[in-house]
C-alpha atoms as a PDB file:
ATOM      1  CA  MET A   1      13.358   1.647  16.583  1.00  0.00           C
ATOM      2  CA  ARG A   2      14.967  -0.205  13.048  1.00  0.00           C
ATOM      3  CA  ALA A   3      18.416  -1.120  14.717  1.00  0.00           C
ATOM      4  CA  GLN A   4      16.620  -1.583  18.442  1.00  0.00           C
ATOM      5  CA  LEU A   5      14.100  -3.820  17.037  1.00  0.00           C
ATOM      6  CA  GLY A   6      16.619  -5.715  15.201  1.00  0.00           C
ATOM      7  CA  SER A   7      15.877  -8.512  12.039  1.00  0.00           C
ATOM      8  CA  CYS A   8      13.294 -11.120  13.301  1.00  0.00           C
ATOM      9  CA  ALA A   9      12.770 -14.227  11.337  1.00  0.00           C
ATOM     10  CA  ARG A  10      10.462 -13.447   8.155  1.00  0.00           C
ATOM     11  CA  ILE A  11       7.062 -14.689   9.281  1.00  0.00           C
ATOM     12  CA  ALA A  12       4.040 -14.369   6.830  1.00  0.00           C
ATOM     13  CA  LEU A  13       2.588 -10.880   6.498  1.00  0.00           C
ATOM     14  CA  PRO A  14      -0.486 -10.205   9.111  1.00  0.00           C
ATOM     15  CA  ALA A  15      -3.453  -9.964   7.398  1.00  0.00           C
ATOM     16  CA  TYR A  16      -4.414  -6.522   6.256  1.00  0.00           C
ATOM     17  CA  ALA A  17      -7.962  -6.669   5.289  1.00  0.00           C
ATOM     18  CA  HIS A  18     -10.954  -6.252   7.940  1.00  0.00           C
ATOM     19  CA  GLY A  19     -11.026  -9.696  10.605  1.00  0.00           C
ATOM     20  CA  GLU A  20     -13.758 -12.156  10.633  1.00  0.00           C
ATOM     21  CA  PRO A  21     -16.952 -10.377  12.084  1.00  0.00           C
ATOM     22  CA  THR A  22     -17.321 -10.253  15.833  1.00  0.00           C
ATOM     23  CA  PRO A  23     -20.363  -9.244  17.187  1.00  0.00           C
ATOM     24  CA  TYR A  24     -19.567  -6.754  19.894  1.00  0.00           C
ATOM     25  CA  ASP A  25     -19.866  -3.011  20.688  1.00  0.00           C
ATOM     26  CA  LEU A  26     -17.677  -0.783  22.136  1.00  0.00           C
ATOM     27  CA  ARG A  27     -18.786  -1.776  25.355  1.00  0.00           C
ATOM     28  CA  GLY A  28     -17.888  -5.549  24.631  1.00  0.00           C
ATOM     29  CA  THR A  29     -21.524  -6.114  24.705  1.00  0.00           C
ATOM     30  CA  ARG A  30     -22.754  -8.263  21.423  1.00  0.00           C
ATOM     31  CA  VAL A  31     -24.665  -6.511  18.980  1.00  0.00           C
ATOM     32  CA  THR A  32     -28.323  -7.331  19.024  1.00  0.00           C
ATOM     33  CA  ALA A  33     -30.000  -8.489  16.168  1.00  0.00           C
ATOM     34  CA  ASP A  34     -32.330  -5.405  16.539  1.00  0.00           C
ATOM     35  CA  VAL A  35     -29.399  -3.516  15.634  1.00  0.00           C
ATOM     36  CA  LEU A  36     -28.589  -5.773  12.463  1.00  0.00           C
ATOM     37  CA  SER A  37     -32.105  -6.344  11.121  1.00  0.00           C
ATOM     38  CA  ALA A  38     -32.505  -2.577  11.435  1.00  0.00           C
ATOM     39  CA  LEU A  39     -29.534  -1.873   9.675  1.00  0.00           C
ATOM     40  CA  ARG A  40     -30.375  -4.392   6.747  1.00  0.00           C
ATOM     41  CA  ALA A  41     -33.394  -2.464   6.357  1.00  0.00           C
ATOM     42  CA  LYS A  42     -31.676   0.964   5.873  1.00  0.00           C
ATOM     43  CA  VAL A  43     -28.940  -0.094   3.156  1.00  0.00           C
ATOM     44  CA  ARG A  44     -31.604  -1.658   1.379  1.00  0.00           C
ATOM     45  CA  ALA A  45     -34.289   0.993   1.306  1.00  0.00           C
ATOM     46  CA  ALA A  46     -31.271   3.364   0.588  1.00  0.00           C
ATOM     47  CA  ALA A  47     -30.056   1.248  -2.296  1.00  0.00           C
ATOM     48  CA  HIS A  48     -33.779   1.216  -4.065  1.00  0.00           C
ATOM     49  CA  PRO A  49     -34.822   4.752  -2.586  1.00  0.00           C
ATOM     50  CA  ALA A  50     -38.142   4.640  -4.755  1.00  0.00           C
ATOM     51  CA  ALA A  51     -39.181   1.174  -4.336  1.00  0.00           C
ATOM     52  CA  GLU A  52     -41.392  -0.386  -1.712  1.00  0.00           C
ATOM     53  CA  ALA A  53     -39.299  -3.405  -1.087  1.00  0.00           C
ATOM     54  CA  CYS A  54     -36.060  -4.845  -3.061  1.00  0.00           C
ATOM     55  CA  VAL A  55     -36.535  -5.048  -6.607  1.00  0.00           C
ATOM     56  CA  CYS A  56     -33.020  -6.752  -7.299  1.00  0.00           C
ATOM     57  CA  GLY A  57     -32.982  -9.953  -5.446  1.00  0.00           C
ATOM     58  CA  THR A  58     -29.762  -9.751  -3.945  1.00  0.00           C
ATOM     59  CA  GLU A  59     -29.182 -10.969  -0.670  1.00  0.00           C
ATOM     60  CA  THR A  60     -28.019  -8.321   2.264  1.00  0.00           C
ATOM     61  CA  SER A  61     -24.118  -9.360   3.421  1.00  0.00           C
ATOM     62  CA  VAL A  62     -22.559  -8.719   6.807  1.00  0.00           C
ATOM     63  CA  LEU A  63     -19.251  -7.265   5.667  1.00  0.00           C
ATOM     64  CA  ALA A  64     -17.838  -6.494   9.095  1.00  0.00           C
ATOM     65  CA  ASP A  65     -19.320  -6.594  12.804  1.00  0.00           C
ATOM     66  CA  ARG A  66     -16.513  -5.279  14.852  1.00  0.00           C
ATOM     67  CA  PRO A  67     -15.954  -3.032  18.287  1.00  0.00           C
ATOM     68  CA  ASP A  68     -15.757  -0.080  16.036  1.00  0.00           C
ATOM     69  CA  GLY A  69     -18.305  -0.377  13.845  1.00  0.00           C
ATOM     70  CA  THR A  70     -20.918  -2.956  12.139  1.00  0.00           C
ATOM     71  CA  VAL A  71     -21.161  -2.734   7.880  1.00  0.00           C
ATOM     72  CA  VAL A  72     -23.539  -4.178   5.933  1.00  0.00           C
ATOM     73  CA  ARG A  73     -23.969  -4.127   2.164  1.00  0.00           C
ATOM     74  CA  HIS A  74     -27.136  -4.439  -0.228  1.00  0.00           C
ATOM     75  CA  ALA A  75     -25.849  -4.515  -3.886  1.00  0.00           C
ATOM     76  CA  GLY A  76     -23.922  -1.572  -4.800  1.00  0.00           C
ATOM     77  CA  THR A  77     -24.373   0.310  -1.321  1.00  0.00           C
ATOM     78  CA  VAL A  78     -22.969  -0.176   2.201  1.00  0.00           C
ATOM     79  CA  ALA A  79     -24.430   1.011   5.492  1.00  0.00           C
ATOM     80  CA  LYS A  80     -22.214   1.323   8.624  1.00  0.00           C
ATOM     81  CA  ALA A  81     -23.357   1.616  11.811  1.00  0.00           C
ATOM     82  CA  HIS A  82     -20.465   3.434  14.099  1.00  0.00           C
ATOM     83  CA  ALA A  83     -19.679   3.111  17.417  1.00  0.00           C
ATOM     84  CA  ALA A  84     -22.696   4.154  19.922  1.00  0.00           C
ATOM     85  CA  ASP A  85     -20.099   6.919  21.512  1.00  0.00           C
ATOM     86  CA  THR A  86     -18.989   8.365  18.173  1.00  0.00           C
ATOM     87  CA  ASP A  87     -19.473  12.442  18.486  1.00  0.00           C
ATOM     88  CA  PRO A  88     -21.848  13.344  16.428  1.00  0.00           C
ATOM     89  CA  GLY A  89     -20.023  16.809  15.484  1.00  0.00           C
ATOM     90  CA  GLU A  90     -16.905  15.280  14.858  1.00  0.00           C
ATOM     91  CA  LEU A  91     -18.272  12.757  12.430  1.00  0.00           C
ATOM     92  CA  ALA A  92     -20.566  15.421  10.401  1.00  0.00           C
ATOM     93  CA  ALA A  93     -17.110  17.097   9.940  1.00  0.00           C
ATOM     94  CA  ARG A  94     -15.384  13.843   8.921  1.00  0.00           C
ATOM     95  CA  MET A  95     -18.236  13.126   6.455  1.00  0.00           C
ATOM     96  CA  ALA A  96     -17.705  16.799   4.835  1.00  0.00           C
ATOM     97  CA  VAL A  97     -13.704  16.017   4.614  1.00  0.00           C
ATOM     98  CA  ALA A  98     -14.993  12.789   2.909  1.00  0.00           C
ATOM     99  CA  ALA A  99     -17.355  14.871   0.452  1.00  0.00           C
ATOM    100  CA  HIS A 100     -15.091  17.676  -0.177  1.00  0.00           C
ATOM    101  CA  PRO A 101     -14.229  18.095  -4.157  1.00  0.00           C
ATOM    102  CA  ARG A 102     -10.603  18.554  -3.072  1.00  0.00           C
ATOM    103  CA  LEU A 103     -10.500  15.001  -1.588  1.00  0.00           C
ATOM    104  CA  ASP A 104     -12.166  13.713  -4.910  1.00  0.00           C
ATOM    105  CA  GLY A 105      -9.675  10.894  -6.307  1.00  0.00           C
ATOM    106  CA  ILE A 106      -8.508  10.232  -2.667  1.00  0.00           C
ATOM    107  CA  LEU A 107     -10.947   9.345  -0.203  1.00  0.00           C
ATOM    108  CA  LEU A 108     -14.358   7.410  -0.874  1.00  0.00           C
ATOM    109  CA  PRO A 109     -17.100   9.940  -0.669  1.00  0.00           C
ATOM    110  CA  PRO A 110     -20.309   9.208   0.964  1.00  0.00           C
ATOM    111  CA  LEU A 111     -23.577   8.569  -0.553  1.00  0.00           C
ATOM    112  CA  ARG A 112     -25.429  10.862   1.478  1.00  0.00           C
ATOM    113  CA  PRO A 113     -23.748  13.922   3.277  1.00  0.00           C
ATOM    114  CA  SER A 114     -25.075  13.232   6.808  1.00  0.00           C
ATOM    115  CA  ALA A 115     -25.645  10.363   9.065  1.00  0.00           C
ATOM    116  CA  VAL A 116     -28.976   9.171  10.490  1.00  0.00           C
ATOM    117  CA  GLU A 117     -29.723   7.514  14.062  1.00  0.00           C
ATOM    118  CA  SER A 118     -30.749   3.869  14.332  1.00  0.00           C
ATOM    119  CA  HIS A 119     -30.847   2.240  17.719  1.00  0.00           C
ATOM    120  CA  GLY A 120     -28.519   5.082  19.260  1.00  0.00           C
ATOM    121  CA  ARG A 121     -26.203   4.835  16.972  1.00  0.00           C
ATOM    122  CA  PRO A 122     -25.131   6.846  13.730  1.00  0.00           C
ATOM    123  CA  VAL A 123     -25.572   5.420  10.235  1.00  0.00           C
ATOM    124  CA  THR A 124     -23.566   6.709   7.423  1.00  0.00           C
ATOM    125  CA  PHE A 125     -24.136   5.257   3.608  1.00  0.00           C
ATOM    126  CA  TRP A 126     -21.159   4.589   1.233  1.00  0.00           C
ATOM    127  CA  PRO A 127     -20.680   2.845  -2.159  1.00  0.00           C
ATOM    128  CA  TYR A 128     -19.487  -0.463  -2.489  1.00  0.00           C
ATOM    129  CA  GLY A 129     -16.091  -0.791  -3.648  1.00  0.00           C
ATOM    130  CA  SER A 130     -13.759  -3.936  -4.119  1.00  0.00           C
ATOM    131  CA  PRO A 131     -11.183  -4.504  -1.221  1.00  0.00           C
ATOM    132  CA  VAL A 132      -7.672  -5.492  -1.732  1.00  0.00           C
ATOM    133  CA  ASP A 133      -7.620  -9.254  -1.886  1.00  0.00           C
ATOM    134  CA  ARG A 134      -6.141 -10.418   1.160  1.00  0.00           C
ATOM    135  CA  ASP A 135      -5.163 -13.855  -0.490  1.00  0.00           C
ATOM    136  CA  ASP A 136      -2.954 -12.286  -2.621  1.00  0.00           C
ATOM    137  CA  PRO A 137      -0.189 -10.523  -0.842  1.00  0.00           C
ATOM    138  CA  ASP A 138       2.235 -10.089  -3.727  1.00  0.00           C
ATOM    139  CA  ALA A 139      -0.611  -7.891  -5.398  1.00  0.00           C
ATOM    140  CA  ALA A 140      -0.816  -5.705  -2.356  1.00  0.00           C
ATOM    141  CA  PRO A 141      -1.098  -1.869  -3.681  1.00  0.00           C
ATOM    142  CA  TRP A 142       1.596  -0.427  -1.701  1.00  0.00           C
ATOM    143  CA  GLU A 143       2.435   1.998  -4.095  1.00  0.00           C
ATOM    144  CA  ALA A 144      -1.033   3.308  -4.630  1.00  0.00           C
ATOM    145  CA  ALA A 145      -1.627   3.430  -0.606  1.00  0.00           C
ATOM    146  CA  ALA A 146       1.242   5.600  -0.222  1.00  0.00           C
ATOM    147  CA  THR A 147       0.188   7.958  -3.165  1.00  0.00           C
ATOM    148  CA  LEU A 148      -3.121   8.434  -1.574  1.00  0.00           C
ATOM    149  CA  LEU A 149      -1.566   9.446   1.517  1.00  0.00           C
ATOM    150  CA  ALA A 150       1.188  11.693   0.147  1.00  0.00           C
ATOM    151  CA  ARG A 151      -1.702  13.299  -1.696  1.00  0.00           C
ATOM    152  CA  LEU A 152      -4.145  13.403   1.515  1.00  0.00           C
ATOM    153  CA  HIS A 153      -1.278  14.878   3.491  1.00  0.00           C
ATOM    154  CA  ARG A 154      -0.820  17.609   0.851  1.00  0.00           C
ATOM    155  CA  THR A 155      -4.362  18.851   1.023  1.00  0.00           C
ATOM    156  CA  PRO A 156      -4.121  22.355   2.115  1.00  0.00           C
ATOM    157  CA  TRP A 157      -5.093  23.005   5.349  1.00  0.00           C
ATOM    158  CA  SER A 158      -6.845  26.225   4.504  1.00  0.00           C
ATOM    159  CA  VAL A 159      -9.742  24.850   1.863  1.00  0.00           C
ATOM    160  CA  LEU A 160     -10.820  22.299   4.212  1.00  0.00           C
ATOM    161  CA  PRO A 161     -14.064  22.575   6.054  1.00  0.00           C
ATOM    162  CA  PRO A 162     -14.177  23.942   9.471  1.00  0.00           C
ATOM    163  CA  GLY A 163     -14.243  21.901  12.615  1.00  0.00           C
ATOM    164  CA  ILE A 164     -12.307  19.005  11.471  1.00  0.00           C
ATOM    165  CA  PRO A 165     -11.106  17.189  14.921  1.00  0.00           C
ATOM    166  CA  PRO A 166      -7.576  16.100  15.967  1.00  0.00           C
ATOM    167  CA  MET A 167      -6.582  12.390  13.787  1.00  0.00           C
ATOM    168  CA  ARG A 168      -7.474   9.384  16.431  1.00  0.00           C
ATOM    169  CA  GLY A 169      -3.941   7.213  15.660  1.00  0.00           C
ATOM    170  CA  PRO A 170      -2.421   8.421  19.415  1.00  0.00           C
ATOM    171  CA  ALA A 171      -6.403   7.899  20.791  1.00  0.00           C
ATOM    172  CA  LYS A 172      -6.799   4.667  19.431  1.00  0.00           C
ATOM    173  CA  ALA A 173      -2.921   3.121  20.540  1.00  0.00           C
ATOM    174  CA  ALA A 174      -4.543   4.517  24.326  1.00  0.00           C
ATOM    175  CA  ARG A 175      -7.364   2.916  23.948  1.00  0.00           C
ATOM    176  CA  ALA A 176      -5.439  -0.510  22.715  1.00  0.00           C
ATOM    177  CA  VAL A 177      -3.234  -0.556  26.139  1.00  0.00           C
ATOM    178  CA  ALA A 178      -6.636   0.130  28.137  1.00  0.00           C
ATOM    179  CA  ARG A 179      -8.147  -2.943  26.809  1.00  0.00           C
ATOM    180  CA  LEU A 180      -4.533  -4.897  27.659  1.00  0.00           C
ATOM    181  CA  HIS A 181      -5.256  -3.258  31.525  1.00  0.00           C
ATOM    182  CA  ALA A 182      -8.513  -4.608  31.318  1.00  0.00           C
ATOM    183  CA  ALA A 183      -8.193  -8.276  30.040  1.00  0.00           C
ATOM    184  CA  GLY A 184      -6.072  -8.692  33.591  1.00  0.00           C
ATOM    185  CA  PRO A 185      -2.779 -10.325  34.382  1.00  0.00           C
ATOM    186  CA  HIS A 186      -1.146 -11.803  31.599  1.00  0.00           C
ATOM    187  CA  PRO A 187       2.841 -12.783  31.653  1.00  0.00           C
ATOM    188  CA  ALA A 188       3.445 -11.104  28.210  1.00  0.00           C
ATOM    189  CA  ALA A 189       1.921  -7.797  29.173  1.00  0.00           C
ATOM    190  CA  ASP A 190       4.866  -6.070  31.155  1.00  0.00           C
ATOM    191  CA  PRO A 191       7.596  -5.574  28.241  1.00  0.00           C
ATOM    192  CA  VAL A 192       4.296  -3.909  26.009  1.00  0.00           C
ATOM    193  CA  LEU A 193       3.628  -1.744  29.071  1.00  0.00           C
ATOM    194  CA  ARG A 194       7.183  -0.571  29.354  1.00  0.00           C
ATOM    195  CA  ALA A 195       7.740  -0.084  25.534  1.00  0.00           C
ATOM    196  CA  TRP A 196       4.352   2.016  26.194  1.00  0.00           C
ATOM    197  CA  ALA A 197       5.956   4.436  29.543  1.00  0.00           C
ATOM    198  CA  VAL A 198       9.215   5.417  27.506  1.00  0.00           C
ATOM    199  CA  LEU A 199       6.932   7.234  24.619  1.00  0.00           C
ATOM    200  CA  PRO A 200       6.358  10.632  24.803  1.00  0.00           C
ATOM    201  CA  ALA A 201       3.097  12.217  25.873  1.00  0.00           C
ATOM    202  CA  TRP A 202       1.899  13.076  22.537  1.00  0.00           C
ATOM    203  CA  ALA A 203       1.870   9.160  21.203  1.00  0.00           C
ATOM    204  CA  ARG A 204       0.338   8.173  24.470  1.00  0.00           C
ATOM    205  CA  ASP A 205      -2.806  10.700  24.099  1.00  0.00           C
ATOM    206  CA  GLU A 206      -1.677  12.645  27.051  1.00  0.00           C
ATOM    207  CA  ALA A 207      -0.920  15.673  25.184  1.00  0.00           C
ATOM    208  CA  PRO A 208      -1.413  17.664  21.693  1.00  0.00           C
ATOM    209  CA  MET A 209       0.065  16.267  18.757  1.00  0.00           C
ATOM    210  CA  PRO A 210       3.290  18.292  17.891  1.00  0.00           C
ATOM    211  CA  HIS A 211       2.010  18.661  13.911  1.00  0.00           C
ATOM    212  CA  ALA A 212      -1.712  19.148  13.957  1.00  0.00           C
ATOM    213  CA  ARG A 213      -2.240  20.614  10.614  1.00  0.00           C
ATOM    214  CA  THR A 214      -1.790  17.854   8.079  1.00  0.00           C
ATOM    215  CA  LEU A 215      -4.980  15.994   7.253  1.00  0.00           C
ATOM    216  CA  CYS A 216      -4.300  12.388   8.684  1.00  0.00           C
ATOM    217  CA  HIS A 217      -6.364   9.123   7.780  1.00  0.00           C
ATOM    218  CA  GLY A 218      -5.578   7.658  10.958  1.00  0.00           C
ATOM    219  CA  ASP A 219      -5.613   4.137  10.443  1.00  0.00           C
ATOM    220  CA  LEU A 220      -3.995   3.045   7.314  1.00  0.00           C
ATOM    221  CA  HIS A 221      -3.195  -0.430   6.138  1.00  0.00           C
ATOM    222  CA  LEU A 222      -4.408  -2.128   3.204  1.00  0.00           C
ATOM    223  CA  GLY A 223      -7.342  -2.823   4.580  1.00  0.00           C
ATOM    224  CA  GLN A 224      -8.761   0.441   3.842  1.00  0.00           C
ATOM    225  CA  LEU A 225      -8.487   0.758   0.148  1.00  0.00           C
ATOM    226  CA  VAL A 226     -10.953  -0.254  -2.464  1.00  0.00           C
ATOM    227  CA  ARG A 227     -11.634   0.774  -6.118  1.00  0.00           C
ATOM    228  CA  THR A 228     -15.185   0.914  -7.125  1.00  0.00           C
ATOM    229  CA  LEU A 229     -16.867   2.339 -10.442  1.00  0.00           C
ATOM    230  CA  ALA A 230     -19.217   4.113  -8.720  1.00  0.00           C
ATOM    231  CA  GLU A 231     -20.346   7.437 -10.738  1.00  0.00           C
ATOM    232  CA  GLY A 232     -18.344   6.770 -13.497  1.00  0.00           C
ATOM    233  CA  ARG A 233     -15.019   6.314 -11.559  1.00  0.00           C
ATOM    234  CA  ASP A 234     -12.306   3.690 -13.456  1.00  0.00           C
ATOM    235  CA  GLY A 235     -11.644   1.821 -10.948  1.00  0.00           C
ATOM    236  CA  ASP A 236      -8.670   3.691  -9.110  1.00  0.00           C
ATOM    237  CA  TRP A 237      -8.061   2.842  -5.372  1.00  0.00           C
ATOM    238  CA  LEU A 238      -9.538   4.566  -2.907  1.00  0.00           C
ATOM    239  CA  LEU A 239      -9.126   5.418   1.101  1.00  0.00           C
ATOM    240  CA  ILE A 240     -12.149   4.488   3.074  1.00  0.00           C
ATOM    241  CA  ASP A 241     -13.183   4.789   6.823  1.00  0.00           C
ATOM    242  CA  ILE A 242     -13.348   8.086   8.047  1.00  0.00           C
ATOM    243  CA  ASP A 243     -13.580   7.369  11.826  1.00  0.00           C
ATOM    244  CA  ASP A 244     -10.014   8.528  12.455  1.00  0.00           C
ATOM    245  CA  LEU A 245      -9.612  10.996   9.867  1.00  0.00           C
ATOM    246  CA  GLY A 246      -8.335  14.425  11.472  1.00  0.00           C
ATOM    247  CA  LEU A 247      -5.461  16.479  11.609  1.00  0.00           C
ATOM    248  CA  GLY A 248      -2.256  15.205  13.108  1.00  0.00           C
ATOM    249  CA  GLU A 249       1.044  14.420  12.496  1.00  0.00           C
ATOM    250  CA  PRO A 250       1.100  12.766   9.131  1.00  0.00           C
ATOM    251  CA  ALA A 251       4.330   9.992  10.149  1.00  0.00           C
ATOM    252  CA  TRP A 252       1.285   8.408  11.924  1.00  0.00           C
ATOM    253  CA  ASP A 253      -0.411   7.036   8.436  1.00  0.00           C
ATOM    254  CA  LEU A 254       3.270   5.169   8.202  1.00  0.00           C
ATOM    255  CA  ALA A 255       3.488   3.913  11.193  1.00  0.00           C
ATOM    256  CA  ARG A 256       2.157   0.558  10.613  1.00  0.00           C
ATOM    257  CA  PRO A 257       3.496  -0.721   7.621  1.00  0.00           C
ATOM    258  CA  ALA A 258       6.998   0.742   9.391  1.00  0.00           C
ATOM    259  CA  ALA A 259       6.474  -0.988  12.498  1.00  0.00           C
ATOM    260  CA  TRP A 260       5.793  -4.564  10.679  1.00  0.00           C
ATOM    261  CA  PHE A 261       9.063  -3.773   8.304  1.00  0.00           C
ATOM    262  CA  ALA A 262      10.713  -3.254  11.770  1.00  0.00           C
ATOM    263  CA  CYS A 263       9.475  -5.870  13.549  1.00  0.00           C
ATOM    264  CA  GLY A 264      10.803  -8.228  10.212  1.00  0.00           C
ATOM    265  CA  LEU A 265       6.976  -9.061   9.227  1.00  0.00           C
ATOM    266  CA  LEU A 266       6.994  -6.726   5.870  1.00  0.00           C
ATOM    267  CA  PRO A 267       9.950  -7.913   3.505  1.00  0.00           C
ATOM    268  CA  PRO A 268      12.211  -4.788   2.771  1.00  0.00           C
ATOM    269  CA  ASP A 269      11.483  -4.732  -0.916  1.00  0.00           C
ATOM    270  CA  GLU A 270       7.931  -4.146  -0.101  1.00  0.00           C
ATOM    271  CA  TRP A 271       8.533  -1.254   2.566  1.00  0.00           C
ATOM    272  CA  ALA A 272      11.084  -0.134  -0.269  1.00  0.00           C
ATOM    273  CA  ARG A 273       8.087   0.387  -2.890  1.00  0.00           C
ATOM    274  CA  PHE A 274       5.621   2.358  -0.326  1.00  0.00           C
ATOM    275  CA  LEU A 275       8.181   4.599   1.215  1.00  0.00           C
ATOM    276  CA  THR A 276       9.546   5.913  -2.168  1.00  0.00           C
ATOM    277  CA  ALA A 277       5.956   5.929  -3.678  1.00  0.00           C
ATOM    278  CA  TYR A 278       5.101   8.239  -0.842  1.00  0.00           C
ATOM    279  CA  GLN A 279       8.150  10.822  -1.285  1.00  0.00           C
ATOM    280  CA  LYS A 280       7.893  10.356  -4.701  1.00  0.00           C
ATOM    281  CA  ALA A 281       4.431  11.542  -4.627  1.00  0.00           C
ATOM    282  CA  GLY A 282       5.641  14.576  -2.469  1.00  0.00           C
ATOM    283  CA  GLY A 283       4.424  13.411   1.142  1.00  0.00           C
ATOM    284  CA  PRO A 284       5.632  15.794   4.262  1.00  0.00           C
ATOM    285  CA  ALA A 285       5.935  13.367   6.647  1.00  0.00           C
ATOM    286  CA  VAL A 286       9.582  12.326   5.443  1.00  0.00           C
ATOM    287  CA  PRO A 287      12.143  14.081   4.203  1.00  0.00           C
ATOM    288  CA  THR A 288      13.295  12.829   0.952  1.00  0.00           C
ATOM    289  CA  ASP A 289      17.126  13.416   1.481  1.00  0.00           C
ATOM    290  CA  SER A 290      18.320  11.758   4.794  1.00  0.00           C
ATOM    291  CA  ASP A 291      17.042   8.953   7.181  1.00  0.00           C
ATOM    292  CA  PRO A 292      13.200   8.844   7.435  1.00  0.00           C
ATOM    293  CA  TRP A 293      13.371   7.128  10.754  1.00  0.00           C
ATOM    294  CA  PRO A 294      13.657  10.187  13.003  1.00  0.00           C
ATOM    295  CA  ALA A 295      10.458  10.930  11.785  1.00  0.00           C
ATOM    296  CA  LEU A 296       8.557   7.576  12.112  1.00  0.00           C
ATOM    297  CA  ASP A 297      10.281   6.160  15.039  1.00  0.00           C
ATOM    298  CA  VAL A 298       7.472   7.406  17.502  1.00  0.00           C
ATOM    299  CA  PRO A 299       4.774   6.621  15.426  1.00  0.00           C
ATOM    300  CA  ALA A 300       6.113   3.039  14.517  1.00  0.00           C
ATOM    301  CA  ARG A 301       6.906   2.318  18.695  1.00  0.00           C
ATOM    302  CA  ALA A 302       3.441   3.341  19.353  1.00  0.00           C
ATOM    303  CA  LEU A 303       1.429   1.052  16.008  1.00  0.00           C
ATOM    304  CA  THR A 304       3.903  -1.901  17.465  1.00  0.00           C
ATOM    305  CA  VAL A 305       2.783  -1.358  21.555  1.00  0.00           C
ATOM    306  CA  GLN A 306      -1.137  -0.954  19.523  1.00  0.00           C
ATOM    307  CA  THR A 307      -0.608  -4.148  18.162  1.00  0.00           C
ATOM    308  CA  ALA A 308       0.901  -5.858  20.844  1.00  0.00           C
ATOM    309  CA  ALA A 309      -1.751  -4.915  23.509  1.00  0.00           C
ATOM    310  CA  LEU A 310      -4.521  -6.022  21.125  1.00  0.00           C
ATOM    311  CA  ALA A 311      -3.179  -9.333  20.291  1.00  0.00           C
ATOM    312  CA  ILE A 312      -2.858  -9.929  24.296  1.00  0.00           C
ATOM    313  CA  ALA A 313      -6.240  -8.987  25.065  1.00  0.00           C
ATOM    314  CA  LYS A 314      -7.798 -10.826  22.200  1.00  0.00           C
ATOM    315  CA  SER A 315      -5.664 -14.022  23.290  1.00  0.00           C
ATOM    316  CA  VAL A 316      -6.923 -13.785  26.795  1.00  0.00           C
ATOM    317  CA  ALA A 317     -10.822 -13.466  25.559  1.00  0.00           C
ATOM    318  CA  ALA A 318     -10.596 -15.990  22.924  1.00  0.00           C
ATOM    319  CA  GLU A 319      -8.729 -18.011  25.600  1.00  0.00           C
ATOM    320  CA  ARG A 320      -5.815 -18.865  23.651  1.00  0.00           C
ATOM    321  CA  PRO A 321      -2.157 -18.634  23.102  1.00  0.00           C
ATOM    322  CA  LEU A 322      -0.543 -15.809  21.239  1.00  0.00           C
ATOM    323  CA  ASP A 323       0.712 -17.197  17.979  1.00  0.00           C
ATOM    324  CA  GLU A 324       4.142 -16.499  16.614  1.00  0.00           C
ATOM    325  CA  VAL A 325       3.487 -13.414  14.641  1.00  0.00           C
ATOM    326  CA  GLU A 326       2.001 -11.753  18.131  1.00  0.00           C
ATOM    327  CA  THR A 327       4.778 -13.087  19.906  1.00  0.00           C
ATOM    328  CA  SER A 328       7.320 -11.137  17.906  1.00  0.00           C
ATOM    329  CA  VAL A 329       5.434  -8.126  18.348  1.00  0.00           C
ATOM    330  CA  ILE A 330       5.775  -8.619  21.691  1.00  0.00           C
ATOM    331  CA  GLU A 331       9.459  -9.063  21.599  1.00  0.00           C
ATOM    332  CA  ALA A 332       9.701  -6.341  19.567  1.00  0.00           C
ATOM    333  CA  CYS A 333       8.452  -4.294  22.426  1.00  0.00           C
ATOM    334  CA  ASP A 334      10.636  -5.593  25.140  1.00  0.00           C
ATOM    335  CA  ARG A 335      13.701  -4.385  22.589  1.00  0.00           C
ATOM    336  CA  MET A 336      11.846  -1.233  22.179  1.00  0.00           C
ATOM    337  CA  ALA A 337      11.991  -0.543  26.132  1.00  0.00           C
ATOM    338  CA  ALA A 338      15.457  -1.185  26.604  1.00  0.00           C
ATOM    339  CA  HIS A 339      15.911   1.429  24.010  1.00  0.00           C
ATOM    340  CA  PRO A 340      13.863   4.140  24.379  1.00  0.00           C
ATOM    341  CA  PRO A 341      13.478   6.980  21.399  1.00  0.00           C
ATOM    342  CA  GLU A 342      15.618   9.861  21.308  1.00  0.00           C
ATOM    343  CA  LEU A 343      13.578  12.341  21.391  1.00  0.00           C
ATOM    344  CA  ALA A 344      14.579  15.829  19.943  1.00  0.00           C
ATOM    345  CA  GLY A 345      12.718  18.997  18.913  1.00  0.00           C
ATOM    346  CA  GLU A 346       8.950  18.189  18.581  1.00  0.00           C
ATOM    347  CA  TYR A 347       9.274  14.874  19.411  1.00  0.00           C
ATOM    348  CA  ALA A 348      10.144  15.536  22.768  1.00  0.00           C
ATOM    349  CA  THR A 349       6.988  17.084  23.580  1.00  0.00           C
END
């Protein structure tokens, strides 16, 4: 993929923290004031379980209101209303993983072991953590992210709680392509769909992943890291957001920074820092003594398509033209479509 994409001109690194709040649920309908009001009440109650009313005087803030979840904070407590179509059993299994002692120091543990229901959406509670500073990309914790991923991927399958679902990375990519189709005809859609069509079935969520015994995050980017001092922690980085966590192909978790690097959006030194840290920490997704790209190629292509598909869908919804970064990713899809991945062994599935 790296050779086919070529060396795009260096463009500013895309924002890796969550975007501005967008009050829509998974069906594209606006999140109602009732949902937000109920969520605010629940997070205040969770922050002050022994009090009838808030005693700290802290305002309740909305951290995110996106299609995949609404997140509010009160003092040191965060409540997340997950998507309405979230599978309760799968969410419970993911919560059990986040709370498991073997994941201590890797995943942010929940404040409560299970979700509660509010307005038809499951709600979970978490300690607040300080995110990566999106205005200071030079301080991006690439080594910490890579080391956490390697530790997550090395978690023995045998010690994990039962019922862990598949990692949802390919499903999210397929959903992004579905959004592109739903957005209607667009002149930039063709190269994206052609790049999607040459991917193997597992990367399009049309077949099982070739490796399904590795614990994966499923949606790794730098907005998924926080520091927290809760429960005596010393401020080390932890991974958050378990909605896509599950068993699957570990290279998928490296795919977004790999895709950015291949598209020319992530400087080579930052990609090298990330990849080297992952290898030094014993991450199993890529070899340490040979070219990592045979393992990364298909997932990185899939994430490039996902990014491009969402860029077009969002530009149509906002009635705005594609920006420079979005255009560069779509151009990468055009080059990928002309050079299908070299599939061999398990990647040919």
